[in-house]
Amino acid sequence: MHDRYRRRLKDLPLAEQGFVIRLVVRRFICEAADCPRRTFAERFSRLTAP
């Protein structure tokens, strides 16, 4: 793990109540010499869309 940052997700109101999901996203460093992306963040594909 290289770093982490916070991400806020907002969604449409549910039963007239708005809500925010707060996530802590981890950033990683790829140490492979042939890796095309030096750093990358974890994804929450089951929770969000890119």
N, C-alpha and C. Protein backbone atom coordinates (compact mmCIF):
# COMPACT_ATOMS: atom_id res chain seq x y z
N MET A 1 0.85 -1.18 0.00
CA MET A 1 0.00 0.00 0.00
C MET A 1 0.89 1.24 0.00
N HIS A 2 0.53 2.20 -0.83
CA HIS A 2 1.32 3.42 -0.98
C HIS A 2 0.70 4.59 -0.21
N ASP A 3 -0.61 4.72 -0.29
CA ASP A 3 -1.28 5.88 0.29
C ASP A 3 -2.76 5.55 0.42
N ARG A 4 -3.53 6.46 0.94
CA ARG A 4 -4.98 6.32 0.97
C ARG A 4 -5.62 7.70 0.91
N TYR A 5 -6.85 7.74 0.42
CA TYR A 5 -7.58 9.00 0.36
C TYR A 5 -9.06 8.71 0.56
N ARG A 6 -9.81 9.75 0.84
CA ARG A 6 -11.24 9.61 1.09
C ARG A 6 -12.04 9.97 -0.15
N ARG A 7 -13.11 9.22 -0.37
CA ARG A 7 -14.01 9.48 -1.49
C ARG A 7 -15.43 9.52 -0.93
N ARG A 8 -16.21 10.49 -1.43
CA ARG A 8 -17.60 10.61 -1.01
C ARG A 8 -18.50 10.29 -2.18
N LEU A 9 -19.46 9.44 -1.96
CA LEU A 9 -20.43 9.08 -2.99
C LEU A 9 -21.80 9.57 -2.55
N LYS A 10 -22.49 10.24 -3.45
CA LYS A 10 -23.84 10.69 -3.18
C LYS A 10 -24.79 9.90 -4.07
N ASP A 11 -25.97 9.65 -3.57
CA ASP A 11 -26.96 8.95 -4.37
C ASP A 11 -28.28 9.71 -4.30
N LEU A 12 -29.21 9.28 -5.09
CA LEU A 12 -30.53 9.90 -5.08
C LEU A 12 -31.19 9.67 -3.73
N PRO A 13 -32.07 10.57 -3.32
CA PRO A 13 -32.75 10.40 -2.04
C PRO A 13 -33.53 9.09 -1.99
N LEU A 14 -33.55 8.50 -0.83
CA LEU A 14 -34.28 7.27 -0.57
C LEU A 14 -35.32 7.60 0.51
N ALA A 15 -36.59 7.48 0.17
CA ALA A 15 -37.68 7.82 1.09
C ALA A 15 -37.50 9.25 1.59
N GLU A 16 -37.14 10.15 0.67
CA GLU A 16 -36.96 11.58 0.94
C GLU A 16 -35.76 11.88 1.85
N GLN A 17 -34.89 10.92 2.04
CA GLN A 17 -33.69 11.13 2.84
C GLN A 17 -32.47 11.00 1.93
N GLY A 18 -31.68 12.06 1.85
CA GLY A 18 -30.43 11.98 1.10
C GLY A 18 -29.38 11.27 1.94
N PHE A 19 -28.41 10.67 1.29
CA PHE A 19 -27.35 10.04 2.07
C PHE A 19 -26.03 10.10 1.31
N VAL A 20 -24.96 9.98 2.06
CA VAL A 20 -23.61 10.02 1.52
C VAL A 20 -22.86 8.80 2.04
N ILE A 21 -22.14 8.14 1.15
CA ILE A 21 -21.29 7.01 1.55
C ILE A 21 -19.86 7.52 1.53
N ARG A 22 -19.17 7.33 2.63
CA ARG A 22 -17.78 7.76 2.73
C ARG A 22 -16.89 6.53 2.69
N LEU A 23 -15.95 6.53 1.75
CA LEU A 23 -15.03 5.41 1.58
C LEU A 23 -13.60 5.86 1.79
N VAL A 24 -12.79 4.98 2.29
CA VAL A 24 -11.34 5.20 2.33
C VAL A 24 -10.77 4.29 1.25
N VAL A 25 -10.15 4.90 0.25
CA VAL A 25 -9.63 4.18 -0.90
C VAL A 25 -8.11 4.05 -0.76
N ARG A 26 -7.62 2.83 -0.92
CA ARG A 26 -6.18 2.60 -0.82
C ARG A 26 -5.53 2.73 -2.20
N ARG A 27 -4.34 3.34 -2.23
CA ARG A 27 -3.54 3.43 -3.46
C ARG A 27 -2.35 2.49 -3.31
N PHE A 28 -2.03 1.83 -4.41
CA PHE A 28 -0.94 0.86 -4.42
C PHE A 28 0.10 1.23 -5.47
N ILE A 29 1.30 0.73 -5.28
CA ILE A 29 2.38 0.89 -6.25
C ILE A 29 2.68 -0.49 -6.83
N CYS A 30 2.75 -0.56 -8.14
CA CYS A 30 3.13 -1.80 -8.82
C CYS A 30 4.65 -1.80 -8.95
N GLU A 31 5.29 -2.81 -8.42
CA GLU A 31 6.74 -2.87 -8.45
C GLU A 31 7.28 -3.65 -9.64
N ALA A 32 6.42 -4.17 -10.49
CA ALA A 32 6.87 -4.90 -11.68
C ALA A 32 7.46 -3.93 -12.70
N ALA A 33 8.58 -4.27 -13.26
CA ALA A 33 9.28 -3.38 -14.20
C ALA A 33 8.46 -3.13 -15.47
N ASP A 34 7.68 -4.11 -15.90
CA ASP A 34 6.92 -3.97 -17.15
C ASP A 34 5.47 -3.53 -16.92
N CYS A 35 5.14 -3.08 -15.74
CA CYS A 35 3.77 -2.66 -15.41
C CYS A 35 3.46 -1.32 -16.09
N PRO A 36 2.36 -1.23 -16.87
CA PRO A 36 2.04 0.03 -17.54
C PRO A 36 1.51 1.12 -16.59
N ARG A 37 0.99 0.70 -15.45
CA ARG A 37 0.49 1.67 -14.48
C ARG A 37 1.33 1.58 -13.22
N ARG A 38 2.02 2.63 -12.93
CA ARG A 38 2.90 2.63 -11.75
C ARG A 38 2.10 2.63 -10.45
N THR A 39 1.08 3.46 -10.38
CA THR A 39 0.22 3.49 -9.20
C THR A 39 -1.23 3.26 -9.63
N PHE A 40 -2.01 2.71 -8.73
CA PHE A 40 -3.42 2.47 -9.00
C PHE A 40 -4.18 2.43 -7.69
N ALA A 41 -5.47 2.69 -7.75
CA ALA A 41 -6.34 2.69 -6.58
C ALA A 41 -7.27 1.50 -6.64
N GLU A 42 -7.66 1.01 -5.46
CA GLU A 42 -8.60 -0.10 -5.45
C GLU A 42 -9.96 0.38 -5.95
N ARG A 43 -10.71 -0.54 -6.51
CA ARG A 43 -12.03 -0.22 -7.06
C ARG A 43 -13.10 -0.90 -6.24
N PHE A 44 -14.25 -0.29 -6.23
CA PHE A 44 -15.41 -0.84 -5.54
C PHE A 44 -16.48 -1.14 -6.59
N SER A 45 -16.19 -2.07 -7.47
CA SER A 45 -17.05 -2.33 -8.62
C SER A 45 -18.45 -2.82 -8.24
N ARG A 46 -18.60 -3.45 -7.10
CA ARG A 46 -19.93 -3.90 -6.68
C ARG A 46 -20.74 -2.76 -6.07
N LEU A 47 -20.07 -1.69 -5.70
CA LEU A 47 -20.73 -0.57 -5.04
C LEU A 47 -20.92 0.63 -5.95
N THR A 48 -19.96 0.87 -6.84
CA THR A 48 -19.99 2.06 -7.70
C THR A 48 -19.67 1.73 -9.15
N ALA A 49 -19.94 2.67 -9.99
CA ALA A 49 -19.53 2.59 -11.40
C ALA A 49 -18.39 3.58 -11.60
N PRO A 50 -17.46 3.29 -12.52
CA PRO A 50 -16.34 4.22 -12.73
C PRO A 50 -16.82 5.59 -13.22
